[in-house]
Amino acid sequence: MTSHLPLNALRAFEAAARHSSFTKAGMELRVGQAAVSHQVKSLEDLLGTRLFLRLPRGLMLTDEGQALVPVVAESFGRIRATLNQFAKGHQYRGVVTVGVVGTFATGWLLPRLPNFHELYPRLDLRIQTNNNRVDLAGEGLDYAIRYGDGSWHGTEATRLLAAPLSPLCAPRIARRLRRPADVAECPLLRSYRVDEWPRWFDAAGVTCPAIKGIVFDSSLVMAEAAAQGAGVALLPARLFQRELLQGRLERPFGIAIDVGSYWLTCLKSKRQTDAMQVFRDWLLGEAIREDPGDAAEVKSSVEEKGSRKTIKQIRRGKIRLRPSTSKRGAS
């Protein structure tokens, strides 16, 4: 096999496989049947295997042909979709695909997206939500926003904002809670992190009861359960400001525990595109405005990448956005 890609032969093969006919493929490609047959034969010779069985009533893919055709068809489809993103006289629309834990997406990121779109209208941001379990490589993500301690193997993590946990509950339950010890008498809604309630009771100076409440894999669902009166939940209050302002949830006590933060993560092996750089610096800039106490840490992380100049150049249209190489969202 040579390093030269036989694009014409692959194009002829894909069309012939789709139509099961050299003649119909030739009509699509505006060449004769013999030309298509010749291109396919040259591809077969190059690969050292037959791709079609020539039958009296048409073509039938061999096992090797069946293995090759989806790869070729997908590749041409991605090329076609990428070319379609170029408008006449305009630049390529950069793409960034981000996995985001649902709580952060609804409670912090979504209200800020109109600002992002206004600043960078030529950048396509694609968001995939999750419950804090994510596979950057397997899901083809450029970034993932996660909750935890910042330690994930093979990733670079930049702290966005702290998210201390405090009890939240429906107003009718909050009215019964006059002191922290009263929380022990309520159903305690739980996440998969088993140490949260014991740590909160310890911080409140109260003996921790036996924890038997419902276990949730989503803070959003747990918050909704709390709002509907199912019990008291330990949640990052700063991400549920809407529910607190609406009166659906109340925070009966100010006691909070710090068990983790939200982090922007990416694979250390990931090649940074200009579009990724733009999103990263915008996000960190928003985090600085949200949490001035973390400003020094976040600001140093931004400057580390040396990307302020890049952002200004992109916004002024002076440099092009390189396409993302992620498996999803790169078309």
C-alpha atoms as a PDB file:
ATOM      1  CA  MET A   1       0.000   0.000   0.000  1.00  0.00           C
ATOM      2  CA  THR A   2       1.343   3.406  -0.987  1.00  0.00           C
ATOM      3  CA  SER A   3       0.906   6.654   0.944  1.00  0.00           C
ATOM      4  CA  HIS A   4      -1.125   8.047  -1.951  1.00  0.00           C
ATOM      5  CA  LEU A   5      -4.891   7.913  -1.371  1.00  0.00           C
ATOM      6  CA  PRO A   6      -6.709   6.756  -4.543  1.00  0.00           C
ATOM      7  CA  LEU A   7      -9.572   9.242  -4.114  1.00  0.00           C
ATOM      8  CA  ASN A   8     -11.081   8.760  -7.569  1.00  0.00           C
ATOM      9  CA  ALA A   9     -11.090   4.996  -7.136  1.00  0.00           C
ATOM     10  CA  LEU A  10     -12.630   5.273  -3.664  1.00  0.00           C
ATOM     11  CA  ARG A  11     -15.279   7.632  -4.982  1.00  0.00           C
ATOM     12  CA  ALA A  12     -16.121   5.198  -7.793  1.00  0.00           C
ATOM     13  CA  PHE A  13     -16.248   2.295  -5.330  1.00  0.00           C
ATOM     14  CA  GLU A  14     -18.578   4.127  -2.937  1.00  0.00           C
ATOM     15  CA  ALA A  15     -20.985   5.137  -5.723  1.00  0.00           C
ATOM     16  CA  ALA A  16     -20.979   1.637  -7.211  1.00  0.00           C
ATOM     17  CA  ALA A  17     -21.648   0.098  -3.802  1.00  0.00           C
ATOM     18  CA  ARG A  18     -24.541   2.481  -3.209  1.00  0.00           C
ATOM     19  CA  HIS A  19     -26.155   1.770  -6.588  1.00  0.00           C
ATOM     20  CA  SER A  20     -25.020  -1.871  -6.919  1.00  0.00           C
ATOM     21  CA  SER A  21     -24.218  -0.924 -10.490  1.00  0.00           C
ATOM     22  CA  PHE A  22     -21.243   0.453 -12.399  1.00  0.00           C
ATOM     23  CA  THR A  23     -23.613   1.991 -14.955  1.00  0.00           C
ATOM     24  CA  LYS A  24     -25.667   3.949 -12.386  1.00  0.00           C
ATOM     25  CA  ALA A  25     -22.515   4.994 -10.560  1.00  0.00           C
ATOM     26  CA  GLY A  26     -21.137   6.308 -13.848  1.00  0.00           C
ATOM     27  CA  MET A  27     -24.310   8.323 -14.428  1.00  0.00           C
ATOM     28  CA  GLU A  28     -23.938   9.919 -10.986  1.00  0.00           C
ATOM     29  CA  LEU A  29     -20.253  10.657 -11.504  1.00  0.00           C
ATOM     30  CA  ARG A  30     -20.800  11.714 -15.123  1.00  0.00           C
ATOM     31  CA  VAL A  31     -18.376   9.169 -16.549  1.00  0.00           C
ATOM     32  CA  GLY A  32     -18.860   5.986 -18.482  1.00  0.00           C
ATOM     33  CA  GLN A  33     -19.517   2.540 -17.032  1.00  0.00           C
ATOM     34  CA  ALA A  34     -16.108   1.361 -18.195  1.00  0.00           C
ATOM     35  CA  ALA A  35     -14.373   4.207 -16.348  1.00  0.00           C
ATOM     36  CA  VAL A  36     -16.051   3.259 -13.069  1.00  0.00           C
ATOM     37  CA  SER A  37     -15.211  -0.408 -13.594  1.00  0.00           C
ATOM     38  CA  HIS A  38     -11.591   0.507 -14.287  1.00  0.00           C
ATOM     39  CA  GLN A  39     -11.312   2.634 -11.134  1.00  0.00           C
ATOM     40  CA  VAL A  40     -12.783  -0.126  -8.971  1.00  0.00           C
ATOM     41  CA  LYS A  41     -10.478  -2.707 -10.548  1.00  0.00           C
ATOM     42  CA  SER A  42      -7.471  -0.485  -9.804  1.00  0.00           C
ATOM     43  CA  LEU A  43      -8.589  -0.211  -6.166  1.00  0.00           C
ATOM     44  CA  GLU A  44      -8.970  -3.975  -5.925  1.00  0.00           C
ATOM     45  CA  ASP A  45      -5.495  -4.449  -7.375  1.00  0.00           C
ATOM     46  CA  LEU A  46      -4.093  -1.953  -4.875  1.00  0.00           C
ATOM     47  CA  LEU A  47      -5.748  -3.716  -1.938  1.00  0.00           C
ATOM     48  CA  GLY A  48      -5.051  -7.182  -3.246  1.00  0.00           C
ATOM     49  CA  THR A  49      -8.640  -8.332  -2.788  1.00  0.00           C
ATOM     50  CA  ARG A  50     -11.975  -8.329  -4.595  1.00  0.00           C
ATOM     51  CA  LEU A  51     -14.536  -5.793  -3.416  1.00  0.00           C
ATOM     52  CA  PHE A  52     -17.446  -6.858  -5.641  1.00  0.00           C
ATOM     53  CA  LEU A  53     -18.841 -10.034  -7.095  1.00  0.00           C
ATOM     54  CA  ARG A  54     -19.837  -9.255 -10.697  1.00  0.00           C
ATOM     55  CA  LEU A  55     -23.238 -10.894 -11.192  1.00  0.00           C
ATOM     56  CA  PRO A  56     -25.483 -10.972 -14.300  1.00  0.00           C
ATOM     57  CA  ARG A  57     -28.001  -8.632 -12.683  1.00  0.00           C
ATOM     58  CA  GLY A  58     -25.629  -6.295 -10.861  1.00  0.00           C
ATOM     59  CA  LEU A  59     -22.963  -6.124  -8.208  1.00  0.00           C
ATOM     60  CA  MET A  60     -22.731  -7.700  -4.771  1.00  0.00           C
ATOM     61  CA  LEU A  61     -20.227  -6.599  -2.160  1.00  0.00           C
ATOM     62  CA  THR A  62     -17.756  -9.142  -0.867  1.00  0.00           C
ATOM     63  CA  ASP A  63     -17.010  -9.312   2.857  1.00  0.00           C
ATOM     64  CA  GLU A  64     -14.029  -7.028   2.233  1.00  0.00           C
ATOM     65  CA  GLY A  65     -16.208  -4.596   0.316  1.00  0.00           C
ATOM     66  CA  GLN A  66     -18.808  -4.560   3.091  1.00  0.00           C
ATOM     67  CA  ALA A  67     -16.076  -3.737   5.597  1.00  0.00           C
ATOM     68  CA  LEU A  68     -14.713  -0.889   3.472  1.00  0.00           C
ATOM     69  CA  VAL A  69     -17.870   0.828   2.240  1.00  0.00           C
ATOM     70  CA  PRO A  70     -19.104   2.347   5.570  1.00  0.00           C
ATOM     71  CA  VAL A  71     -15.667   3.819   6.250  1.00  0.00           C
ATOM     72  CA  VAL A  72     -15.444   5.363   2.791  1.00  0.00           C
ATOM     73  CA  ALA A  73     -19.045   6.611   2.842  1.00  0.00           C
ATOM     74  CA  GLU A  74     -18.617   8.218   6.279  1.00  0.00           C
ATOM     75  CA  SER A  75     -15.342   9.838   5.271  1.00  0.00           C
ATOM     76  CA  PHE A  76     -16.795  11.371   2.113  1.00  0.00           C
ATOM     77  CA  GLY A  77     -19.835  12.475   4.115  1.00  0.00           C
ATOM     78  CA  ARG A  78     -17.659  14.254   6.648  1.00  0.00           C
ATOM     79  CA  ILE A  79     -15.643  15.934   3.919  1.00  0.00           C
ATOM     80  CA  ARG A  80     -18.868  17.061   2.247  1.00  0.00           C
ATOM     81  CA  ALA A  81     -20.311  18.393   5.504  1.00  0.00           C
ATOM     82  CA  THR A  82     -17.086  20.252   6.303  1.00  0.00           C
ATOM     83  CA  LEU A  83     -16.981  21.874   2.878  1.00  0.00           C
ATOM     84  CA  ASN A  84     -20.603  22.946   3.317  1.00  0.00           C
ATOM     85  CA  GLN A  85     -19.564  24.914   6.398  1.00  0.00           C
ATOM     86  CA  PHE A  86     -17.596  27.246   4.176  1.00  0.00           C
ATOM     87  CA  ALA A  87     -19.783  30.043   2.876  1.00  0.00           C
ATOM     88  CA  LYS A  88     -18.585  32.010  -0.140  1.00  0.00           C
ATOM     89  CA  GLY A  89     -16.182  34.701   1.044  1.00  0.00           C
ATOM     90  CA  HIS A  90     -16.403  33.617   4.694  1.00  0.00           C
ATOM     91  CA  GLN A  91     -14.219  31.720   7.108  1.00  0.00           C
ATOM     92  CA  TYR A  92     -14.624  28.198   8.430  1.00  0.00           C
ATOM     93  CA  ARG A  93     -16.969  27.869  11.403  1.00  0.00           C
ATOM     94  CA  GLY A  94     -14.901  26.380  14.213  1.00  0.00           C
ATOM     95  CA  VAL A  95     -16.447  23.638  16.342  1.00  0.00           C
ATOM     96  CA  VAL A  96     -16.003  22.866  20.042  1.00  0.00           C
ATOM     97  CA  THR A  97     -17.690  19.841  21.638  1.00  0.00           C
ATOM     98  CA  VAL A  98     -18.031  19.999  25.415  1.00  0.00           C
ATOM     99  CA  GLY A  99     -19.332  17.428  27.870  1.00  0.00           C
ATOM    100  CA  VAL A 100     -20.969  19.171  30.828  1.00  0.00           C
ATOM    101  CA  VAL A 101     -22.360  17.783  34.063  1.00  0.00           C
ATOM    102  CA  GLY A 102     -26.064  18.638  33.993  1.00  0.00           C
ATOM    103  CA  THR A 103     -26.130  20.702  37.196  1.00  0.00           C
ATOM    104  CA  PHE A 104     -23.436  23.050  35.908  1.00  0.00           C
ATOM    105  CA  ALA A 105     -25.061  23.267  32.487  1.00  0.00           C
ATOM    106  CA  THR A 106     -28.476  24.389  33.727  1.00  0.00           C
ATOM    107  CA  GLY A 107     -27.382  26.351  36.782  1.00  0.00           C
ATOM    108  CA  TRP A 108     -24.392  28.250  35.400  1.00  0.00           C
ATOM    109  CA  LEU A 109     -23.491  27.729  31.747  1.00  0.00           C
ATOM    110  CA  LEU A 110     -26.809  28.101  29.910  1.00  0.00           C
ATOM    111  CA  PRO A 111     -27.578  31.633  31.190  1.00  0.00           C
ATOM    112  CA  ARG A 112     -24.195  32.770  29.817  1.00  0.00           C
ATOM    113  CA  LEU A 113     -24.411  31.213  26.362  1.00  0.00           C
ATOM    114  CA  PRO A 114     -26.163  34.184  24.693  1.00  0.00           C
ATOM    115  CA  ASN A 115     -23.110  36.277  25.597  1.00  0.00           C
ATOM    116  CA  PHE A 116     -20.797  33.663  24.094  1.00  0.00           C
ATOM    117  CA  HIS A 117     -22.785  33.507  20.861  1.00  0.00           C
ATOM    118  CA  GLU A 118     -22.805  37.290  20.601  1.00  0.00           C
ATOM    119  CA  LEU A 119     -19.027  37.438  20.987  1.00  0.00           C
ATOM    120  CA  TYR A 120     -18.231  34.453  18.734  1.00  0.00           C
ATOM    121  CA  PRO A 121     -21.056  33.957  16.215  1.00  0.00           C
ATOM    122  CA  ARG A 122     -18.815  31.924  13.893  1.00  0.00           C
ATOM    123  CA  LEU A 123     -17.992  29.271  16.485  1.00  0.00           C
ATOM    124  CA  ASP A 124     -20.301  26.271  16.824  1.00  0.00           C
ATOM    125  CA  LEU A 125     -20.518  25.128  20.434  1.00  0.00           C
ATOM    126  CA  ARG A 126     -21.899  21.615  20.923  1.00  0.00           C
ATOM    127  CA  ILE A 127     -22.894  20.535  24.424  1.00  0.00           C
ATOM    128  CA  GLN A 128     -23.407  16.980  25.663  1.00  0.00           C
ATOM    129  CA  THR A 129     -24.719  16.692  29.221  1.00  0.00           C
ATOM    130  CA  ASN A 130     -23.883  13.878  31.617  1.00  0.00           C
ATOM    131  CA  ASN A 131     -24.113  12.911  35.286  1.00  0.00           C
ATOM    132  CA  ASN A 132     -20.384  13.469  35.931  1.00  0.00           C
ATOM    133  CA  ARG A 133     -19.305  10.198  34.320  1.00  0.00           C
ATOM    134  CA  VAL A 134     -17.583  10.983  31.045  1.00  0.00           C
ATOM    135  CA  ASP A 135     -15.091   9.482  28.587  1.00  0.00           C
ATOM    136  CA  LEU A 136     -13.299  12.311  26.799  1.00  0.00           C
ATOM    137  CA  ALA A 137     -11.703  10.129  24.142  1.00  0.00           C
ATOM    138  CA  GLY A 138     -14.535   7.661  23.680  1.00  0.00           C
ATOM    139  CA  GLU A 139     -17.174  10.381  23.312  1.00  0.00           C
ATOM    140  CA  GLY A 140     -15.040  12.553  21.042  1.00  0.00           C
ATOM    141  CA  LEU A 141     -15.077  15.540  23.410  1.00  0.00           C
ATOM    142  CA  ASP A 142     -12.775  18.529  23.231  1.00  0.00           C
ATOM    143  CA  TYR A 143     -13.492  19.440  26.864  1.00  0.00           C
ATOM    144  CA  ALA A 144     -15.451  18.110  29.827  1.00  0.00           C
ATOM    145  CA  ILE A 145     -16.700  20.194  32.741  1.00  0.00           C
ATOM    146  CA  ARG A 146     -16.708  17.971  35.823  1.00  0.00           C
ATOM    147  CA  TYR A 147     -17.291  18.057  39.543  1.00  0.00           C
ATOM    148  CA  GLY A 148     -14.619  16.632  41.830  1.00  0.00           C
ATOM    149  CA  ASP A 149     -11.135  17.184  43.174  1.00  0.00           C
ATOM    150  CA  GLY A 150      -9.452  17.810  39.802  1.00  0.00           C
ATOM    151  CA  SER A 151      -7.667  14.457  39.656  1.00  0.00           C
ATOM    152  CA  TRP A 152      -8.539  12.507  36.527  1.00  0.00           C
ATOM    153  CA  HIS A 153      -5.927  10.310  34.906  1.00  0.00           C
ATOM    154  CA  GLY A 154      -4.446  11.633  31.679  1.00  0.00           C
ATOM    155  CA  THR A 155      -6.265  14.956  31.812  1.00  0.00           C
ATOM    156  CA  GLU A 156      -5.350  18.573  32.334  1.00  0.00           C
ATOM    157  CA  ALA A 157      -7.772  20.178  34.829  1.00  0.00           C
ATOM    158  CA  THR A 158      -8.378  23.887  35.440  1.00  0.00           C
ATOM    159  CA  ARG A 159     -10.546  24.890  38.400  1.00  0.00           C
ATOM    160  CA  LEU A 160     -13.584  26.954  37.427  1.00  0.00           C
ATOM    161  CA  LEU A 161     -15.467  27.582  40.654  1.00  0.00           C
ATOM    162  CA  ALA A 162     -16.048  26.183  44.101  1.00  0.00           C
ATOM    163  CA  ALA A 163     -19.408  24.592  44.831  1.00  0.00           C
ATOM    164  CA  PRO A 164     -19.869  24.006  48.584  1.00  0.00           C
ATOM    165  CA  LEU A 165     -22.830  21.836  49.521  1.00  0.00           C
ATOM    166  CA  SER A 166     -25.569  22.929  51.917  1.00  0.00           C
ATOM    167  CA  PRO A 167     -29.038  21.579  52.765  1.00  0.00           C
ATOM    168  CA  LEU A 168     -31.853  22.596  50.407  1.00  0.00           C
ATOM    169  CA  CYS A 169     -35.478  21.593  50.778  1.00  0.00           C
ATOM    170  CA  ALA A 170     -39.059  22.586  50.041  1.00  0.00           C
ATOM    171  CA  PRO A 171     -40.445  25.575  52.016  1.00  0.00           C
ATOM    172  CA  ARG A 172     -42.897  23.412  53.987  1.00  0.00           C
ATOM    173  CA  ILE A 173     -40.016  21.278  55.245  1.00  0.00           C
ATOM    174  CA  ALA A 174     -37.787  24.299  55.914  1.00  0.00           C
ATOM    175  CA  ARG A 175     -40.424  25.717  58.244  1.00  0.00           C
ATOM    176  CA  ARG A 176     -39.953  22.692  60.551  1.00  0.00           C
ATOM    177  CA  LEU A 177     -36.171  23.071  60.734  1.00  0.00           C
ATOM    178  CA  ARG A 178     -35.292  25.389  63.607  1.00  0.00           C
ATOM    179  CA  ARG A 179     -31.823  24.005  64.363  1.00  0.00           C
ATOM    180  CA  PRO A 180     -29.348  21.762  62.472  1.00  0.00           C
ATOM    181  CA  ALA A 181     -30.258  18.749  64.620  1.00  0.00           C
ATOM    182  CA  ASP A 182     -33.780  18.887  63.146  1.00  0.00           C
ATOM    183  CA  VAL A 183     -32.365  17.863  59.756  1.00  0.00           C
ATOM    184  CA  ALA A 184     -31.640  14.416  61.191  1.00  0.00           C
ATOM    185  CA  GLU A 185     -35.398  13.868  61.573  1.00  0.00           C
ATOM    186  CA  CYS A 186     -36.039  14.360  57.846  1.00  0.00           C
ATOM    187  CA  PRO A 187     -35.565  11.991  54.890  1.00  0.00           C
ATOM    188  CA  LEU A 188     -32.028  12.652  53.671  1.00  0.00           C
ATOM    189  CA  LEU A 189     -31.653  12.552  49.897  1.00  0.00           C
ATOM    190  CA  ARG A 190     -28.229  11.277  48.835  1.00  0.00           C
ATOM    191  CA  SER A 191     -25.767  11.221  45.963  1.00  0.00           C
ATOM    192  CA  TYR A 192     -23.393   8.340  45.242  1.00  0.00           C
ATOM    193  CA  ARG A 193     -20.760  10.086  47.423  1.00  0.00           C
ATOM    194  CA  VAL A 194     -21.487   8.425  50.740  1.00  0.00           C
ATOM    195  CA  ASP A 195     -19.479  10.781  52.964  1.00  0.00           C
ATOM    196  CA  GLU A 196     -21.385  14.005  52.251  1.00  0.00           C
ATOM    197  CA  TRP A 197     -24.070  13.857  54.929  1.00  0.00           C
ATOM    198  CA  PRO A 198     -21.687  12.589  57.660  1.00  0.00           C
ATOM    199  CA  ARG A 199     -19.350  15.491  56.866  1.00  0.00           C
ATOM    200  CA  TRP A 200     -22.193  18.013  56.988  1.00  0.00           C
ATOM    201  CA  PHE A 201     -23.467  16.779  60.351  1.00  0.00           C
ATOM    202  CA  ASP A 202     -19.902  16.872  61.650  1.00  0.00           C
ATOM    203  CA  ALA A 203     -19.538  20.496  60.484  1.00  0.00           C
ATOM    204  CA  ALA A 204     -22.869  21.307  62.181  1.00  0.00           C
ATOM    205  CA  GLY A 205     -21.743  19.674  65.435  1.00  0.00           C
ATOM    206  CA  VAL A 206     -24.589  17.153  65.315  1.00  0.00           C
ATOM    207  CA  THR A 207     -24.495  13.380  65.614  1.00  0.00           C
ATOM    208  CA  CYS A 208     -25.078  11.874  62.188  1.00  0.00           C
ATOM    209  CA  PRO A 209     -28.133   9.594  62.030  1.00  0.00           C
ATOM    210  CA  ALA A 210     -28.342   6.408  59.973  1.00  0.00           C
ATOM    211  CA  ILE A 211     -28.574   7.579  56.366  1.00  0.00           C
ATOM    212  CA  LYS A 212     -31.376   5.721  54.592  1.00  0.00           C
ATOM    213  CA  GLY A 213     -32.691   8.208  52.050  1.00  0.00           C
ATOM    214  CA  ILE A 214     -33.049   7.731  48.301  1.00  0.00           C
ATOM    215  CA  VAL A 215     -29.775   7.679  46.304  1.00  0.00           C
ATOM    216  CA  PHE A 216     -29.653   9.775  43.114  1.00  0.00           C
ATOM    217  CA  ASP A 217     -27.105   9.816  40.292  1.00  0.00           C
ATOM    218  CA  SER A 218     -28.173  13.329  39.253  1.00  0.00           C
ATOM    219  CA  SER A 219     -28.157  16.478  41.371  1.00  0.00           C
ATOM    220  CA  LEU A 220     -30.836  17.940  39.102  1.00  0.00           C
ATOM    221  CA  VAL A 221     -33.221  15.089  39.830  1.00  0.00           C
ATOM    222  CA  MET A 222     -32.347  15.182  43.520  1.00  0.00           C
ATOM    223  CA  ALA A 223     -33.066  18.928  43.626  1.00  0.00           C
ATOM    224  CA  GLU A 224     -36.431  18.371  41.973  1.00  0.00           C
ATOM    225  CA  ALA A 225     -37.232  15.646  44.489  1.00  0.00           C
ATOM    226  CA  ALA A 226     -36.354  18.058  47.302  1.00  0.00           C
ATOM    227  CA  ALA A 227     -38.524  20.784  45.772  1.00  0.00           C
ATOM    228  CA  GLN A 228     -41.430  18.356  45.670  1.00  0.00           C
ATOM    229  CA  GLY A 229     -41.036  17.587  49.370  1.00  0.00           C
ATOM    230  CA  ALA A 230     -39.276  14.216  49.224  1.00  0.00           C
ATOM    231  CA  GLY A 231     -36.689  15.292  51.780  1.00  0.00           C
ATOM    232  CA  VAL A 232     -33.578  17.403  52.343  1.00  0.00           C
ATOM    233  CA  ALA A 233     -30.772  17.360  49.782  1.00  0.00           C
ATOM    234  CA  LEU A 234     -27.143  18.473  50.003  1.00  0.00           C
ATOM    235  CA  LEU A 235     -26.635  20.592  46.902  1.00  0.00           C
ATOM    236  CA  PRO A 236     -24.398  23.382  45.570  1.00  0.00           C
ATOM    237  CA  ALA A 237     -26.715  26.288  46.382  1.00  0.00           C
ATOM    238  CA  ARG A 238     -24.982  28.668  43.947  1.00  0.00           C
ATOM    239  CA  LEU A 239     -26.180  26.502  41.050  1.00  0.00           C
ATOM    240  CA  PHE A 240     -29.789  26.498  42.205  1.00  0.00           C
ATOM    241  CA  GLN A 241     -30.300  30.241  42.563  1.00  0.00           C
ATOM    242  CA  ARG A 242     -33.272  30.203  40.219  1.00  0.00           C
ATOM    243  CA  GLU A 243     -35.125  27.665  42.356  1.00  0.00           C
ATOM    244  CA  LEU A 244     -34.207  29.575  45.520  1.00  0.00           C
ATOM    245  CA  LEU A 245     -35.422  32.879  44.056  1.00  0.00           C
ATOM    246  CA  GLN A 246     -38.630  31.248  42.843  1.00  0.00           C
ATOM    247  CA  GLY A 247     -39.255  29.902  46.335  1.00  0.00           C
ATOM    248  CA  ARG A 248     -39.334  26.256  45.215  1.00  0.00           C
ATOM    249  CA  LEU A 249     -36.293  25.546  47.399  1.00  0.00           C
ATOM    250  CA  GLU A 250     -35.073  27.080  50.633  1.00  0.00           C
ATOM    251  CA  ARG A 251     -31.712  26.970  52.396  1.00  0.00           C
ATOM    252  CA  PRO A 252     -32.572  26.645  56.098  1.00  0.00           C
ATOM    253  CA  PHE A 253     -28.971  26.807  57.348  1.00  0.00           C
ATOM    254  CA  GLY A 254     -25.821  28.465  56.080  1.00  0.00           C
ATOM    255  CA  ILE A 255     -23.566  25.588  57.119  1.00  0.00           C
ATOM    256  CA  ALA A 256     -21.781  24.261  54.011  1.00  0.00           C
ATOM    257  CA  ILE A 257     -19.087  21.701  53.277  1.00  0.00           C
ATOM    258  CA  ASP A 258     -16.473  21.806  50.548  1.00  0.00           C
ATOM    259  CA  VAL A 259     -16.183  18.381  48.912  1.00  0.00           C
ATOM    260  CA  GLY A 260     -15.258  19.453  45.397  1.00  0.00           C
ATOM    261  CA  SER A 261     -15.236  22.084  42.681  1.00  0.00           C
ATOM    262  CA  TYR A 262     -16.156  22.346  39.008  1.00  0.00           C
ATOM    263  CA  TRP A 263     -13.236  21.860  36.625  1.00  0.00           C
ATOM    264  CA  LEU A 264     -12.604  22.322  32.933  1.00  0.00           C
ATOM    265  CA  THR A 265     -10.753  19.235  31.740  1.00  0.00           C
ATOM    266  CA  CYS A 266      -9.248  17.985  28.498  1.00  0.00           C
ATOM    267  CA  LEU A 267      -6.931  15.170  27.511  1.00  0.00           C
ATOM    268  CA  LYS A 268      -3.268  16.046  27.863  1.00  0.00           C
ATOM    269  CA  SER A 269      -2.728  14.498  24.442  1.00  0.00           C
ATOM    270  CA  LYS A 270      -5.410  16.659  22.806  1.00  0.00           C
ATOM    271  CA  ARG A 271      -4.224  19.132  20.177  1.00  0.00           C
ATOM    272  CA  GLN A 272      -5.629  22.547  21.055  1.00  0.00           C
ATOM    273  CA  THR A 273      -7.439  24.246  18.192  1.00  0.00           C
ATOM    274  CA  ASP A 274      -8.046  27.993  18.029  1.00  0.00           C
ATOM    275  CA  ALA A 275     -11.752  27.327  18.627  1.00  0.00           C
ATOM    276  CA  MET A 276     -10.958  25.366  21.786  1.00  0.00           C
ATOM    277  CA  GLN A 277      -8.696  28.187  22.963  1.00  0.00           C
ATOM    278  CA  VAL A 278     -11.465  30.730  22.466  1.00  0.00           C
ATOM    279  CA  PHE A 279     -14.017  28.720  24.438  1.00  0.00           C
ATOM    280  CA  ARG A 280     -11.546  28.005  27.232  1.00  0.00           C
ATOM    281  CA  ASP A 281     -10.583  31.626  27.760  1.00  0.00           C
ATOM    282  CA  TRP A 282     -14.171  32.846  27.555  1.00  0.00           C
ATOM    283  CA  LEU A 283     -15.225  30.263  30.154  1.00  0.00           C
ATOM    284  CA  LEU A 284     -12.379  31.130  32.520  1.00  0.00           C
ATOM    285  CA  GLY A 285     -13.131  34.824  32.112  1.00  0.00           C
ATOM    286  CA  GLU A 286     -16.743  34.199  33.147  1.00  0.00           C
ATOM    287  CA  ALA A 287     -15.513  32.178  36.131  1.00  0.00           C
ATOM    288  CA  ILE A 288     -13.347  35.100  37.260  1.00  0.00           C
ATOM    289  CA  ARG A 289     -16.378  37.406  37.200  1.00  0.00           C
ATOM    290  CA  GLU A 290     -18.474  34.835  39.050  1.00  0.00           C
ATOM    291  CA  ASP A 291     -15.946  34.092  41.785  1.00  0.00           C
ATOM    292  CA  PRO A 292     -13.442  36.942  42.325  1.00  0.00           C
ATOM    293  CA  GLY A 293     -11.858  34.947  45.162  1.00  0.00           C
ATOM    294  CA  ASP A 294     -10.523  32.489  42.605  1.00  0.00           C
ATOM    295  CA  ALA A 295      -9.494  35.196  40.156  1.00  0.00           C
ATOM    296  CA  ALA A 296      -5.728  34.866  40.692  1.00  0.00           C
ATOM    297  CA  GLU A 297      -5.745  31.098  40.117  1.00  0.00           C
ATOM    298  CA  VAL A 298      -7.963  31.245  37.046  1.00  0.00           C
ATOM    299  CA  LYS A 299      -6.222  34.291  35.599  1.00  0.00           C
ATOM    300  CA  SER A 300      -2.825  32.606  35.822  1.00  0.00           C
ATOM    301  CA  SER A 301      -4.271  29.599  34.018  1.00  0.00           C
ATOM    302  CA  VAL A 302      -5.496  31.826  31.186  1.00  0.00           C
ATOM    303  CA  GLU A 303      -2.170  33.618  30.857  1.00  0.00           C
ATOM    304  CA  GLU A 304      -0.340  30.292  30.948  1.00  0.00           C
ATOM    305  CA  LYS A 305      -1.815  29.491  27.545  1.00  0.00           C
ATOM    306  CA  GLY A 306      -0.867  32.888  26.120  1.00  0.00           C
ATOM    307  CA  SER A 307      -4.151  33.154  24.294  1.00  0.00           C
ATOM    308  CA  ARG A 308      -5.444  36.678  24.881  1.00  0.00           C
ATOM    309  CA  LYS A 309      -3.967  37.786  21.575  1.00  0.00           C
ATOM    310  CA  THR A 310      -5.525  34.782  19.837  1.00  0.00           C
ATOM    311  CA  ILE A 311      -9.005  35.648  21.071  1.00  0.00           C
ATOM    312  CA  LYS A 312      -8.757  39.244  19.897  1.00  0.00           C
ATOM    313  CA  GLN A 313      -7.502  38.145  16.490  1.00  0.00           C
ATOM    314  CA  ILE A 314     -10.342  35.665  16.051  1.00  0.00           C
ATOM    315  CA  ARG A 315     -12.992  38.177  17.099  1.00  0.00           C
ATOM    316  CA  ARG A 316     -11.569  40.652  14.579  1.00  0.00           C
ATOM    317  CA  GLY A 317     -11.468  37.973  11.889  1.00  0.00           C
ATOM    318  CA  LYS A 318      -7.682  38.184  11.475  1.00  0.00           C
ATOM    319  CA  ILE A 319      -7.033  34.466  11.861  1.00  0.00           C
ATOM    320  CA  ARG A 320      -9.028  31.417  10.926  1.00  0.00           C
ATOM    321  CA  LEU A 321     -10.411  28.847  13.308  1.00  0.00           C
ATOM    322  CA  ARG A 322      -8.889  25.427  12.784  1.00  0.00           C
ATOM    323  CA  PRO A 323     -11.435  22.610  12.651  1.00  0.00           C
ATOM    324  CA  SER A 324     -11.772  20.361  15.676  1.00  0.00           C
ATOM    325  CA  THR A 325     -10.416  16.839  15.412  1.00  0.00           C
ATOM    326  CA  SER A 326     -12.941  15.281  17.782  1.00  0.00           C
ATOM    327  CA  LYS A 327     -14.924  12.283  16.584  1.00  0.00           C
ATOM    328  CA  ARG A 328     -18.216  14.007  17.194  1.00  0.00           C
ATOM    329  CA  GLY A 329     -18.908  17.553  16.151  1.00  0.00           C
ATOM    330  CA  ALA A 330     -15.937  17.819  13.788  1.00  0.00           C
ATOM    331  CA  SER A 331     -17.934  17.672  10.610  1.00  0.00           C
END
